[in-house]
Amino acid sequence: MHSILTAFLAQTAPEGQQNPLMTFFPFIAIAVVFYLLFFRPQQKQAKKHQAFLTALKKGDDVVTQSGIIGRVASVEDRVVTLDIGGGTKIRVLKAQVGGAWSETPPEASKAEAKK
């Protein structure tokens, strides 16, 4: 059994010094793939949302992240007042405004453009 262990260890032992960069290359490649697939698109989306919030003005139709649809009545530093119909106004944190609202879904407008 001693000879089998010696033969196994002889095969697994490195013959020379391996480049440390090649040892970490798979980890570096995985980190790059994660950055390109997950973090970079998320950062782009966050910048786009921040630009939308900065350009927000009175009269814009918006939808909040909770699904409330309204028209912007006033914009303050951190708070947006929305008119949600019937004279009802609510104050919402600016960061919770999800995006612009349009009556037609994006898929329907693309289908109409193709016709």
PDB file of N, CA and C in Angstrom:
ATOM      1  N   MET A   1       0.821  -1.189   0.000  1.00  0.00           N
ATOM      2  CA  MET A   1       0.000   0.000   0.000  1.00  0.00           C
ATOM      3  C   MET A   1       0.866   1.254   0.000  1.00  0.00           C
ATOM      4  N   HIS A   2       2.023   1.153   0.594  1.00  0.00           N
ATOM      5  CA  HIS A   2       2.925   2.282   0.645  1.00  0.00           C
ATOM      6  C   HIS A   2       3.345   2.708  -0.762  1.00  0.00           C
ATOM      7  N   SER A   3       3.549   1.769  -1.639  1.00  0.00           N
ATOM      8  CA  SER A   3       3.966   2.094  -3.001  1.00  0.00           C
ATOM      9  C   SER A   3       2.837   2.757  -3.784  1.00  0.00           C
ATOM     10  N   ILE A   4       1.584   2.386  -3.503  1.00  0.00           N
ATOM     11  CA  ILE A   4       0.446   3.015  -4.191  1.00  0.00           C
ATOM     12  C   ILE A   4       0.317   4.470  -3.758  1.00  0.00           C
ATOM     13  N   LEU A   5       0.495   4.741  -2.445  1.00  0.00           N
ATOM     14  CA  LEU A   5       0.430   6.110  -1.941  1.00  0.00           C
ATOM     15  C   LEU A   5       1.556   6.956  -2.513  1.00  0.00           C
ATOM     16  N   THR A   6       2.735   6.381  -2.612  1.00  0.00           N
ATOM     17  CA  THR A   6       3.883   7.103  -3.159  1.00  0.00           C
ATOM     18  C   THR A   6       3.644   7.430  -4.633  1.00  0.00           C
ATOM     19  N   ALA A   7       3.081   6.506  -5.379  1.00  0.00           N
ATOM     20  CA  ALA A   7       2.810   6.731  -6.794  1.00  0.00           C
ATOM     21  C   ALA A   7       1.738   7.817  -6.967  1.00  0.00           C
ATOM     22  N   PHE A   8       0.723   7.799  -6.125  1.00  0.00           N
ATOM     23  CA  PHE A   8      -0.323   8.807  -6.194  1.00  0.00           C
ATOM     24  C   PHE A   8       0.228  10.198  -5.897  1.00  0.00           C
ATOM     25  N   LEU A   9       1.029  10.301  -4.847  1.00  0.00           N
ATOM     26  CA  LEU A   9       1.600  11.602  -4.487  1.00  0.00           C
ATOM     27  C   LEU A   9       2.563  12.098  -5.543  1.00  0.00           C
ATOM     28  N   ALA A  10       3.246  11.202  -6.213  1.00  0.00           N
ATOM     29  CA  ALA A  10       4.177  11.604  -7.259  1.00  0.00           C
ATOM     30  C   ALA A  10       3.425  12.198  -8.445  1.00  0.00           C
ATOM     31  N   GLN A  11       2.241  11.686  -8.721  1.00  0.00           N
ATOM     32  CA  GLN A  11       1.462  12.201  -9.841  1.00  0.00           C
ATOM     33  C   GLN A  11       0.804  13.542  -9.526  1.00  0.00           C
ATOM     34  N   THR A  12       0.418  13.756  -8.267  1.00  0.00           N
ATOM     35  CA  THR A  12      -0.289  14.988  -7.919  1.00  0.00           C
ATOM     36  C   THR A  12       0.632  16.134  -7.559  1.00  0.00           C
ATOM     37  N   ALA A  13       1.869  15.862  -7.254  1.00  0.00           N
ATOM     38  CA  ALA A  13       2.800  16.926  -6.872  1.00  0.00           C
ATOM     39  C   ALA A  13       3.226  17.695  -8.116  1.00  0.00           C
ATOM     40  N   PRO A  14       3.294  19.034  -8.049  1.00  0.00           N
ATOM     41  CA  PRO A  14       3.724  19.811  -9.210  1.00  0.00           C
ATOM     42  C   PRO A  14       5.209  19.607  -9.467  1.00  0.00           C
ATOM     43  N   GLU A  15       5.544  19.574 -10.758  1.00  0.00           N
ATOM     44  CA  GLU A  15       6.945  19.371 -11.114  1.00  0.00           C
ATOM     45  C   GLU A  15       7.734  20.659 -10.998  1.00  0.00           C
ATOM     46  N   GLY A  16       7.125  21.784 -11.228  1.00  0.00           N
ATOM     47  CA  GLY A  16       7.807  23.070 -11.130  1.00  0.00           C
ATOM     48  C   GLY A  16       6.866  24.074 -10.477  1.00  0.00           C
ATOM     49  N   GLN A  17       7.347  25.264 -10.308  1.00  0.00           N
ATOM     50  CA  GLN A  17       6.491  26.298  -9.732  1.00  0.00           C
ATOM     51  C   GLN A  17       5.465  26.731 -10.777  1.00  0.00           C
ATOM     52  N   GLN A  18       4.212  26.684 -10.390  1.00  0.00           N
ATOM     53  CA  GLN A  18       3.139  27.123 -11.277  1.00  0.00           C
ATOM     54  C   GLN A  18       2.940  28.623 -11.104  1.00  0.00           C
ATOM     55  N   ASN A  19       2.612  29.289 -12.181  1.00  0.00           N
ATOM     56  CA  ASN A  19       2.384  30.728 -12.155  1.00  0.00           C
ATOM     57  C   ASN A  19       1.182  31.030 -11.249  1.00  0.00           C
ATOM     58  N   PRO A  20       1.340  31.883 -10.241  1.00  0.00           N
ATOM     59  CA  PRO A  20       0.218  32.181  -9.341  1.00  0.00           C
ATOM     60  C   PRO A  20      -0.960  32.844 -10.057  1.00  0.00           C
ATOM     61  N   LEU A  21      -0.694  33.569 -11.130  1.00  0.00           N
ATOM     62  CA  LEU A  21      -1.772  34.199 -11.876  1.00  0.00           C
ATOM     63  C   LEU A  21      -2.661  33.146 -12.527  1.00  0.00           C
ATOM     64  N   MET A  22      -2.066  32.077 -13.015  1.00  0.00           N
ATOM     65  CA  MET A  22      -2.842  31.006 -13.639  1.00  0.00           C
ATOM     66  C   MET A  22      -3.671  30.261 -12.598  1.00  0.00           C
ATOM     67  N   THR A  23      -3.230  30.259 -11.358  1.00  0.00           N
ATOM     68  CA  THR A  23      -3.993  29.613 -10.300  1.00  0.00           C
ATOM     69  C   THR A  23      -5.277  30.390 -10.014  1.00  0.00           C
ATOM     70  N   PHE A  24      -5.185  31.701 -10.037  1.00  0.00           N
ATOM     71  CA  PHE A  24      -6.343  32.544  -9.728  1.00  0.00           C
ATOM     72  C   PHE A  24      -7.137  32.957 -10.963  1.00  0.00           C
ATOM     73  N   PHE A  25      -6.698  32.560 -12.146  1.00  0.00           N
ATOM     74  CA  PHE A  25      -7.373  32.961 -13.378  1.00  0.00           C
ATOM     75  C   PHE A  25      -8.853  32.569 -13.410  1.00  0.00           C
ATOM     76  N   PRO A  26      -9.241  31.353 -13.028  1.00  0.00           N
ATOM     77  CA  PRO A  26     -10.682  31.027 -13.048  1.00  0.00           C
ATOM     78  C   PRO A  26     -11.506  31.932 -12.122  1.00  0.00           C
ATOM     79  N   PHE A  27     -10.967  32.293 -10.977  1.00  0.00           N
ATOM     80  CA  PHE A  27     -11.686  33.176 -10.056  1.00  0.00           C
ATOM     81  C   PHE A  27     -11.811  34.581 -10.636  1.00  0.00           C
ATOM     82  N   ILE A  28     -10.757  35.035 -11.287  1.00  0.00           N
ATOM     83  CA  ILE A  28     -10.782  36.357 -11.917  1.00  0.00           C
ATOM     84  C   ILE A  28     -11.795  36.373 -13.060  1.00  0.00           C
ATOM     85  N   ALA A  29     -11.821  35.308 -13.849  1.00  0.00           N
ATOM     86  CA  ALA A  29     -12.769  35.219 -14.962  1.00  0.00           C
ATOM     87  C   ALA A  29     -14.212  35.206 -14.456  1.00  0.00           C
ATOM     88  N   ILE A  30     -14.480  34.472 -13.388  1.00  0.00           N
ATOM     89  CA  ILE A  30     -15.827  34.430 -12.819  1.00  0.00           C
ATOM     90  C   ILE A  30     -16.228  35.813 -12.297  1.00  0.00           C
ATOM     91  N   ALA A  31     -15.293  36.522 -11.667  1.00  0.00           N
ATOM     92  CA  ALA A  31     -15.590  37.859 -11.160  1.00  0.00           C
ATOM     93  C   ALA A  31     -15.923  38.818 -12.304  1.00  0.00           C
ATOM     94  N   VAL A  32     -15.203  38.724 -13.409  1.00  0.00           N
ATOM     95  CA  VAL A  32     -15.469  39.582 -14.565  1.00  0.00           C
ATOM     96  C   VAL A  32     -16.846  39.273 -15.153  1.00  0.00           C
ATOM     97  N   VAL A  33     -17.184  37.998 -15.270  1.00  0.00           N
ATOM     98  CA  VAL A  33     -18.485  37.607 -15.809  1.00  0.00           C
ATOM     99  C   VAL A  33     -19.611  38.119 -14.903  1.00  0.00           C
ATOM    100  N   PHE A  34     -19.455  37.974 -13.594  1.00  0.00           N
ATOM    101  CA  PHE A  34     -20.472  38.485 -12.663  1.00  0.00           C
ATOM    102  C   PHE A  34     -20.626  39.993 -12.809  1.00  0.00           C
ATOM    103  N   TYR A  35     -19.518  40.709 -12.947  1.00  0.00           N
ATOM    104  CA  TYR A  35     -19.589  42.157 -13.091  1.00  0.00           C
ATOM    105  C   TYR A  35     -20.354  42.530 -14.362  1.00  0.00           C
ATOM    106  N   LEU A  36     -20.025  41.864 -15.469  1.00  0.00           N
ATOM    107  CA  LEU A  36     -20.654  42.204 -16.738  1.00  0.00           C
ATOM    108  C   LEU A  36     -22.119  41.800 -16.810  1.00  0.00           C
ATOM    109  N   LEU A  37     -22.484  40.701 -16.166  1.00  0.00           N
ATOM    110  CA  LEU A  37     -23.858  40.221 -16.260  1.00  0.00           C
ATOM    111  C   LEU A  37     -24.794  40.772 -15.190  1.00  0.00           C
ATOM    112  N   PHE A  38     -24.273  41.102 -14.015  1.00  0.00           N
ATOM    113  CA  PHE A  38     -25.146  41.501 -12.914  1.00  0.00           C
ATOM    114  C   PHE A  38     -24.947  42.945 -12.473  1.00  0.00           C
ATOM    115  N   PHE A  39     -23.735  43.318 -12.142  1.00  0.00           N
ATOM    116  CA  PHE A  39     -23.516  44.620 -11.522  1.00  0.00           C
ATOM    117  C   PHE A  39     -23.583  45.776 -12.508  1.00  0.00           C
ATOM    118  N   ARG A  40     -22.999  45.634 -13.686  1.00  0.00           N
ATOM    119  CA  ARG A  40     -22.983  46.736 -14.638  1.00  0.00           C
ATOM    120  C   ARG A  40     -24.383  47.098 -15.128  1.00  0.00           C
ATOM    121  N   PRO A  41     -25.229  46.131 -15.527  1.00  0.00           N
ATOM    122  CA  PRO A  41     -26.585  46.521 -15.921  1.00  0.00           C
ATOM    123  C   PRO A  41     -27.382  47.161 -14.784  1.00  0.00           C
ATOM    124  N   GLN A  42     -27.161  46.694 -13.567  1.00  0.00           N
ATOM    125  CA  GLN A  42     -27.864  47.283 -12.428  1.00  0.00           C
ATOM    126  C   GLN A  42     -27.422  48.726 -12.211  1.00  0.00           C
ATOM    127  N   GLN A  43     -26.129  48.997 -12.379  1.00  0.00           N
ATOM    128  CA  GLN A  43     -25.642  50.362 -12.235  1.00  0.00           C
ATOM    129  C   GLN A  43     -26.204  51.265 -13.330  1.00  0.00           C
ATOM    130  N   LYS A  44     -26.290  50.755 -14.555  1.00  0.00           N
ATOM    131  CA  LYS A  44     -26.860  51.548 -15.650  1.00  0.00           C
ATOM    132  C   LYS A  44     -28.318  51.877 -15.381  1.00  0.00           C
ATOM    133  N   GLN A  45     -29.065  50.889 -14.893  1.00  0.00           N
ATOM    134  CA  GLN A  45     -30.478  51.108 -14.593  1.00  0.00           C
ATOM    135  C   GLN A  45     -30.640  52.128 -13.469  1.00  0.00           C
ATOM    136  N   ALA A  46     -29.784  52.065 -12.459  1.00  0.00           N
ATOM    137  CA  ALA A  46     -29.861  53.024 -11.353  1.00  0.00           C
ATOM    138  C   ALA A  46     -29.549  54.441 -11.834  1.00  0.00           C
ATOM    139  N   LYS A  47     -28.581  54.589 -12.727  1.00  0.00           N
ATOM    140  CA  LYS A  47     -28.260  55.915 -13.264  1.00  0.00           C
ATOM    141  C   LYS A  47     -29.419  56.454 -14.106  1.00  0.00           C
ATOM    142  N   LYS A  48     -30.055  55.586 -14.887  1.00  0.00           N
ATOM    143  CA  LYS A  48     -31.187  55.993 -15.711  1.00  0.00           C
ATOM    144  C   LYS A  48     -32.359  56.433 -14.829  1.00  0.00           C
ATOM    145  N   HIS A  49     -32.609  55.697 -13.748  1.00  0.00           N
ATOM    146  CA  HIS A  49     -33.690  56.044 -12.831  1.00  0.00           C
ATOM    147  C   HIS A  49     -33.394  57.364 -12.124  1.00  0.00           C
ATOM    148  N   GLN A  50     -32.151  57.568 -11.733  1.00  0.00           N
ATOM    149  CA  GLN A  50     -31.773  58.816 -11.072  1.00  0.00           C
ATOM    150  C   GLN A  50     -31.937  60.001 -12.022  1.00  0.00           C
ATOM    151  N   ALA A  51     -31.589  59.816 -13.291  1.00  0.00           N
ATOM    152  CA  ALA A  51     -31.770  60.889 -14.274  1.00  0.00           C
ATOM    153  C   ALA A  51     -33.256  61.192 -14.471  1.00  0.00           C
ATOM    154  N   PHE A  52     -34.093  60.153 -14.461  1.00  0.00           N
ATOM    155  CA  PHE A  52     -35.539  60.361 -14.569  1.00  0.00           C
ATOM    156  C   PHE A  52     -36.054  61.157 -13.386  1.00  0.00           C
ATOM    157  N   LEU A  53     -35.614  60.813 -12.180  1.00  0.00           N
ATOM    158  CA  LEU A  53     -36.073  61.527 -10.987  1.00  0.00           C
ATOM    159  C   LEU A  53     -35.612  62.976 -10.989  1.00  0.00           C
ATOM    160  N   THR A  54     -34.426  63.226 -11.500  1.00  0.00           N
ATOM    161  CA  THR A  54     -33.912  64.588 -11.559  1.00  0.00           C
ATOM    162  C   THR A  54     -34.734  65.432 -12.536  1.00  0.00           C
ATOM    163  N   ALA A  55     -35.184  64.822 -13.645  1.00  0.00           N
ATOM    164  CA  ALA A  55     -35.934  65.549 -14.664  1.00  0.00           C
ATOM    165  C   ALA A  55     -37.426  65.605 -14.373  1.00  0.00           C
ATOM    166  N   LEU A  56     -37.872  65.056 -13.260  1.00  0.00           N
ATOM    167  CA  LEU A  56     -39.287  65.019 -12.912  1.00  0.00           C
ATOM    168  C   LEU A  56     -39.823  66.436 -12.729  1.00  0.00           C
ATOM    169  N   LYS A  57     -40.986  66.705 -13.348  1.00  0.00           N
ATOM    170  CA  LYS A  57     -41.559  68.053 -13.249  1.00  0.00           C
ATOM    171  C   LYS A  57     -43.077  67.977 -13.113  1.00  0.00           C
ATOM    172  N   LYS A  58     -43.659  69.081 -12.784  1.00  0.00           N
ATOM    173  CA  LYS A  58     -45.101  69.167 -12.583  1.00  0.00           C
ATOM    174  C   LYS A  58     -45.822  68.806 -13.882  1.00  0.00           C
ATOM    175  N   GLY A  59     -46.875  67.971 -13.755  1.00  0.00           N
ATOM    176  CA  GLY A  59     -47.669  67.582 -14.908  1.00  0.00           C
ATOM    177  C   GLY A  59     -47.292  66.228 -15.498  1.00  0.00           C
ATOM    178  N   ASP A  60     -46.187  65.641 -15.077  1.00  0.00           N
ATOM    179  CA  ASP A  60     -45.788  64.319 -15.575  1.00  0.00           C
ATOM    180  C   ASP A  60     -46.695  63.242 -15.000  1.00  0.00           C
ATOM    181  N   ASP A  61     -47.096  62.291 -15.836  1.00  0.00           N
ATOM    182  CA  ASP A  61     -47.841  61.129 -15.363  1.00  0.00           C
ATOM    183  C   ASP A  61     -46.827  60.066 -14.962  1.00  0.00           C
ATOM    184  N   VAL A  62     -46.951  59.584 -13.712  1.00  0.00           N
ATOM    185  CA  VAL A  62     -45.982  58.629 -13.186  1.00  0.00           C
ATOM    186  C   VAL A  62     -46.705  57.482 -12.488  1.00  0.00           C
ATOM    187  N   VAL A  63     -45.972  56.421 -12.266  1.00  0.00           N
ATOM    188  CA  VAL A  63     -46.456  55.297 -11.478  1.00  0.00           C
ATOM    189  C   VAL A  63     -45.419  55.052 -10.377  1.00  0.00           C
ATOM    190  N   THR A  64     -45.912  54.815  -9.171  1.00  0.00           N
ATOM    191  CA  THR A  64     -45.001  54.542  -8.065  1.00  0.00           C
ATOM    192  C   THR A  64     -44.637  53.062  -8.059  1.00  0.00           C
ATOM    193  N   GLN A  65     -43.674  52.701  -7.249  1.00  0.00           N
ATOM    194  CA  GLN A  65     -43.266  51.307  -7.168  1.00  0.00           C
ATOM    195  C   GLN A  65     -44.342  50.434  -6.535  1.00  0.00           C
ATOM    196  N   SER A  66     -45.278  51.040  -5.836  1.00  0.00           N
ATOM    197  CA  SER A  66     -46.382  50.276  -5.262  1.00  0.00           C
ATOM    198  C   SER A  66     -47.571  50.188  -6.212  1.00  0.00           C
ATOM    199  N   GLY A  67     -47.480  50.838  -7.379  1.00  0.00           N
ATOM    200  CA  GLY A  67     -48.525  50.722  -8.384  1.00  0.00           C
ATOM    201  C   GLY A  67     -49.529  51.847  -8.416  1.00  0.00           C
ATOM    202  N   ILE A  68     -49.305  52.907  -7.670  1.00  0.00           N
ATOM    203  CA  ILE A  68     -50.220  54.047  -7.673  1.00  0.00           C
ATOM    204  C   ILE A  68     -49.891  54.937  -8.868  1.00  0.00           C
ATOM    205  N   ILE A  69     -50.917  55.245  -9.650  1.00  0.00           N
ATOM    206  CA  ILE A  69     -50.750  56.075 -10.841  1.00  0.00           C
ATOM    207  C   ILE A  69     -51.263  57.471 -10.523  1.00  0.00           C
ATOM    208  N   GLY A  70     -50.482  58.482 -10.898  1.00  0.00           N
ATOM    209  CA  GLY A  70     -50.904  59.847 -10.634  1.00  0.00           C
ATOM    210  C   GLY A  70     -50.154  60.850 -11.474  1.00  0.00           C
ATOM    211  N   ARG A  71     -50.584  62.091 -11.338  1.00  0.00           N
ATOM    212  CA  ARG A  71     -49.934  63.190 -12.046  1.00  0.00           C
ATOM    213  C   ARG A  71     -49.192  64.032 -11.012  1.00  0.00           C
ATOM    214  N   VAL A  72     -47.977  64.417 -11.328  1.00  0.00           N
ATOM    215  CA  VAL A  72     -47.147  65.176 -10.402  1.00  0.00           C
ATOM    216  C   VAL A  72     -47.754  66.563 -10.204  1.00  0.00           C
ATOM    217  N   ALA A  73     -48.050  66.884  -8.943  1.00  0.00           N
ATOM    218  CA  ALA A  73     -48.589  68.198  -8.608  1.00  0.00           C
ATOM    219  C   ALA A  73     -47.474  69.139  -8.176  1.00  0.00           C
ATOM    220  N   SER A  74     -46.484  68.600  -7.455  1.00  0.00           N
ATOM    221  CA  SER A  74     -45.338  69.417  -7.061  1.00  0.00           C
ATOM    222  C   SER A  74     -44.161  68.500  -6.766  1.00  0.00           C
ATOM    223  N   VAL A  75     -42.974  69.057  -6.949  1.00  0.00           N
ATOM    224  CA  VAL A  75     -41.744  68.316  -6.713  1.00  0.00           C
ATOM    225  C   VAL A  75     -40.913  69.101  -5.706  1.00  0.00           C
ATOM    226  N   GLU A  76     -40.540  68.430  -4.638  1.00  0.00           N
ATOM    227  CA  GLU A  76     -39.661  69.028  -3.640  1.00  0.00           C
ATOM    228  C   GLU A  76     -38.336  68.284  -3.680  1.00  0.00           C
ATOM    229  N   ASP A  77     -37.513  68.515  -2.688  1.00  0.00           N
ATOM    230  CA  ASP A  77     -36.192  67.895  -2.653  1.00  0.00           C
ATOM    231  C   ASP A  77     -36.291  66.372  -2.571  1.00  0.00           C
ATOM    232  N   ARG A  78     -37.036  65.857  -1.597  1.00  0.00           N
ATOM    233  CA  ARG A  78     -37.139  64.412  -1.390  1.00  0.00           C
ATOM    234  C   ARG A  78     -38.546  63.875  -1.563  1.00  0.00           C
ATOM    235  N   VAL A  79     -39.534  64.766  -1.721  1.00  0.00           N
ATOM    236  CA  VAL A  79     -40.935  64.360  -1.741  1.00  0.00           C
ATOM    237  C   VAL A  79     -41.600  64.861  -3.017  1.00  0.00           C
ATOM    238  N   VAL A  80     -42.481  64.016  -3.566  1.00  0.00           N
ATOM    239  CA  VAL A  80     -43.283  64.373  -4.735  1.00  0.00           C
ATOM    240  C   VAL A  80     -44.743  64.282  -4.322  1.00  0.00           C
ATOM    241  N   THR A  81     -45.526  65.298  -4.669  1.00  0.00           N
ATOM    242  CA  THR A  81     -46.959  65.267  -4.406  1.00  0.00           C
ATOM    243  C   THR A  81     -47.659  64.840  -5.682  1.00  0.00           C
ATOM    244  N   LEU A  82     -48.466  63.771  -5.574  1.00  0.00           N
ATOM    245  CA  LEU A  82     -49.177  63.235  -6.727  1.00  0.00           C
ATOM    246  C   LEU A  82     -50.661  63.488  -6.597  1.00  0.00           C
ATOM    247  N   ASP A  83     -51.280  63.899  -7.693  1.00  0.00           N
ATOM    248  CA  ASP A  83     -52.732  64.015  -7.770  1.00  0.00           C
ATOM    249  C   ASP A  83     -53.212  62.696  -8.369  1.00  0.00           C
ATOM    250  N   ILE A  84     -53.933  61.904  -7.559  1.00  0.00           N
ATOM    251  CA  ILE A  84     -54.341  60.574  -8.018  1.00  0.00           C
ATOM    252  C   ILE A  84     -55.791  60.546  -8.464  1.00  0.00           C
ATOM    253  N   GLY A  85     -56.390  61.680  -8.613  1.00  0.00           N
ATOM    254  CA  GLY A  85     -57.754  61.766  -9.132  1.00  0.00           C
ATOM    255  C   GLY A  85     -58.751  62.135  -8.052  1.00  0.00           C
ATOM    256  N   GLY A  86     -59.808  62.776  -8.464  1.00  0.00           N
ATOM    257  CA  GLY A  86     -60.867  63.165  -7.538  1.00  0.00           C
ATOM    258  C   GLY A  86     -60.421  64.202  -6.528  1.00  0.00           C
ATOM    259  N   GLY A  87     -59.394  64.952  -6.858  1.00  0.00           N
ATOM    260  CA  GLY A  87     -58.890  65.970  -5.936  1.00  0.00           C
ATOM    261  C   GLY A  87     -58.040  65.406  -4.810  1.00  0.00           C
ATOM    262  N   THR A  88     -57.750  64.107  -4.856  1.00  0.00           N
ATOM    263  CA  THR A  88     -56.941  63.479  -3.814  1.00  0.00           C
ATOM    264  C   THR A  88     -55.464  63.629  -4.158  1.00  0.00           C
ATOM    265  N   LYS A  89     -54.719  64.146  -3.205  1.00  0.00           N
ATOM    266  CA  LYS A  89     -53.273  64.309  -3.397  1.00  0.00           C
ATOM    267  C   LYS A  89     -52.553  63.527  -2.307  1.00  0.00           C
ATOM    268  N   ILE A  90     -51.504  62.848  -2.708  1.00  0.00           N
ATOM    269  CA  ILE A  90     -50.682  62.111  -1.738  1.00  0.00           C
ATOM    270  C   ILE A  90     -49.236  62.523  -1.906  1.00  0.00           C
ATOM    271  N   ARG A  91     -48.528  62.434  -0.816  1.00  0.00           N
ATOM    272  CA  ARG A  91     -47.089  62.722  -0.837  1.00  0.00           C
ATOM    273  C   ARG A  91     -46.347  61.395  -0.860  1.00  0.00           C
ATOM    274  N   VAL A  92     -45.381  61.291  -1.749  1.00  0.00           N
ATOM    275  CA  VAL A  92     -44.611  60.072  -1.941  1.00  0.00           C
ATOM    276  C   VAL A  92     -43.140  60.437  -1.960  1.00  0.00           C
ATOM    277  N   LEU A  93     -42.315  59.559  -1.401  1.00  0.00           N
ATOM    278  CA  LEU A  93     -40.878  59.786  -1.512  1.00  0.00           C
ATOM    279  C   LEU A  93     -40.471  59.759  -2.975  1.00  0.00           C
ATOM    280  N   LYS A  94     -39.611  60.665  -3.349  1.00  0.00           N
ATOM    281  CA  LYS A  94     -39.192  60.778  -4.738  1.00  0.00           C
ATOM    282  C   LYS A  94     -38.552  59.486  -5.243  1.00  0.00           C
ATOM    283  N   ALA A  95     -37.814  58.819  -4.385  1.00  0.00           N
ATOM    284  CA  ALA A  95     -37.128  57.583  -4.775  1.00  0.00           C
ATOM    285  C   ALA A  95     -38.101  56.450  -5.069  1.00  0.00           C
ATOM    286  N   GLN A  96     -39.340  56.556  -4.586  1.00  0.00           N
ATOM    287  CA  GLN A  96     -40.328  55.504  -4.795  1.00  0.00           C
ATOM    288  C   GLN A  96     -41.125  55.676  -6.080  1.00  0.00           C
ATOM    289  N   VAL A  97     -40.880  56.738  -6.818  1.00  0.00           N
ATOM    290  CA  VAL A  97     -41.513  56.899  -8.125  1.00  0.00           C
ATOM    291  C   VAL A  97     -40.809  55.943  -9.075  1.00  0.00           C
ATOM    292  N   GLY A  98     -41.576  55.013  -9.643  1.00  0.00           N
ATOM    293  CA  GLY A  98     -40.985  53.958 -10.463  1.00  0.00           C
ATOM    294  C   GLY A  98     -40.641  54.400 -11.865  1.00  0.00           C
ATOM    295  N   GLY A  99     -41.496  55.175 -12.482  1.00  0.00           N
ATOM    296  CA  GLY A  99     -41.238  55.592 -13.849  1.00  0.00           C
ATOM    297  C   GLY A  99     -42.412  56.346 -14.429  1.00  0.00           C
ATOM    298  N   ALA A 100     -42.282  56.661 -15.706  1.00  0.00           N
ATOM    299  CA  ALA A 100     -43.338  57.381 -16.404  1.00  0.00           C
ATOM    300  C   ALA A 100     -44.484  56.424 -16.683  1.00  0.00           C
ATOM    301  N   TRP A 101     -45.692  56.980 -16.766  1.00  0.00           N
ATOM    302  CA  TRP A 101     -46.876  56.166 -17.028  1.00  0.00           C
ATOM    303  C   TRP A 101     -47.477  56.580 -18.359  1.00  0.00           C
ATOM    304  N   SER A 102     -47.846  55.581 -19.151  1.00  0.00           N
ATOM    305  CA  SER A 102     -48.594  55.848 -20.378  1.00  0.00           C
ATOM    306  C   SER A 102     -49.760  54.867 -20.429  1.00  0.00           C
ATOM    307  N   GLU A 103     -50.848  55.282 -21.031  1.00  0.00           N
ATOM    308  CA  GLU A 103     -52.052  54.454 -21.067  1.00  0.00           C
ATOM    309  C   GLU A 103     -51.857  53.180 -21.880  1.00  0.00           C
ATOM    310  N   THR A 104     -51.059  53.256 -22.946  1.00  0.00           N
ATOM    311  CA  THR A 104     -50.858  52.081 -23.789  1.00  0.00           C
ATOM    312  C   THR A 104     -49.631  51.305 -23.309  1.00  0.00           C
ATOM    313  N   PRO A 105     -49.729  49.986 -23.220  1.00  0.00           N
ATOM    314  CA  PRO A 105     -48.564  49.201 -22.827  1.00  0.00           C
ATOM    315  C   PRO A 105     -47.486  49.271 -23.907  1.00  0.00           C
ATOM    316  N   PRO A 106     -46.225  49.153 -23.534  1.00  0.00           N
ATOM    317  CA  PRO A 106     -45.142  49.254 -24.523  1.00  0.00           C
ATOM    318  C   PRO A 106     -45.252  48.223 -25.642  1.00  0.00           C
ATOM    319  N   GLU A 107     -45.750  47.003 -25.367  1.00  0.00           N
ATOM    320  CA  GLU A 107     -45.857  45.971 -26.384  1.00  0.00           C
ATOM    321  C   GLU A 107     -46.882  46.367 -27.446  1.00  0.00           C
ATOM    322  N   ALA A 108     -47.989  46.978 -27.019  1.00  0.00           N
ATOM    323  CA  ALA A 108     -49.037  47.370 -27.951  1.00  0.00           C
ATOM    324  C   ALA A 108     -48.547  48.475 -28.882  1.00  0.00           C
ATOM    325  N   SER A 109     -47.789  49.421 -28.358  1.00  0.00           N
ATOM    326  CA  SER A 109     -47.309  50.512 -29.208  1.00  0.00           C
ATOM    327  C   SER A 109     -46.284  49.996 -30.205  1.00  0.00           C
ATOM    328  N   LYS A 110     -45.491  48.994 -29.844  1.00  0.00           N
ATOM    329  CA  LYS A 110     -44.538  48.401 -30.790  1.00  0.00           C
ATOM    330  C   LYS A 110     -45.266  47.649 -31.891  1.00  0.00           C
ATOM    331  N   ALA A 111     -46.336  46.954 -31.544  1.00  0.00           N
ATOM    332  CA  ALA A 111     -47.106  46.203 -32.534  1.00  0.00           C
ATOM    333  C   ALA A 111     -47.786  47.158 -33.513  1.00  0.00           C
ATOM    334  N   GLU A 112     -48.293  48.287 -33.024  1.00  0.00           N
ATOM    335  CA  GLU A 112     -48.928  49.266 -33.896  1.00  0.00           C
ATOM    336  C   GLU A 112     -47.928  49.914 -34.816  1.00  0.00           C
ATOM    337  N   ALA A 113     -46.695  50.101 -34.347  1.00  0.00           N
ATOM    338  CA  ALA A 113     -45.661  50.728 -35.165  1.00  0.00           C
ATOM    339  C   ALA A 113     -45.258  49.822 -36.324  1.00  0.00           C
ATOM    340  N   LYS A 114     -45.342  48.506 -36.142  1.00  0.00           N
ATOM    341  CA  LYS A 114     -44.967  47.561 -37.191  1.00  0.00           C
ATOM    342  C   LYS A 114     -46.004  47.512 -38.312  1.00  0.00           C
ATOM    343  N   LYS A 115     -47.272  47.826 -38.006  1.00  0.00           N
ATOM    344  CA  LYS A 115     -48.347  47.732 -39.011  1.00  0.00           C
ATOM    345  C   LYS A 115     -48.296  48.813 -40.012  1.00  0.00           C
TER     346      LYS A 115
END
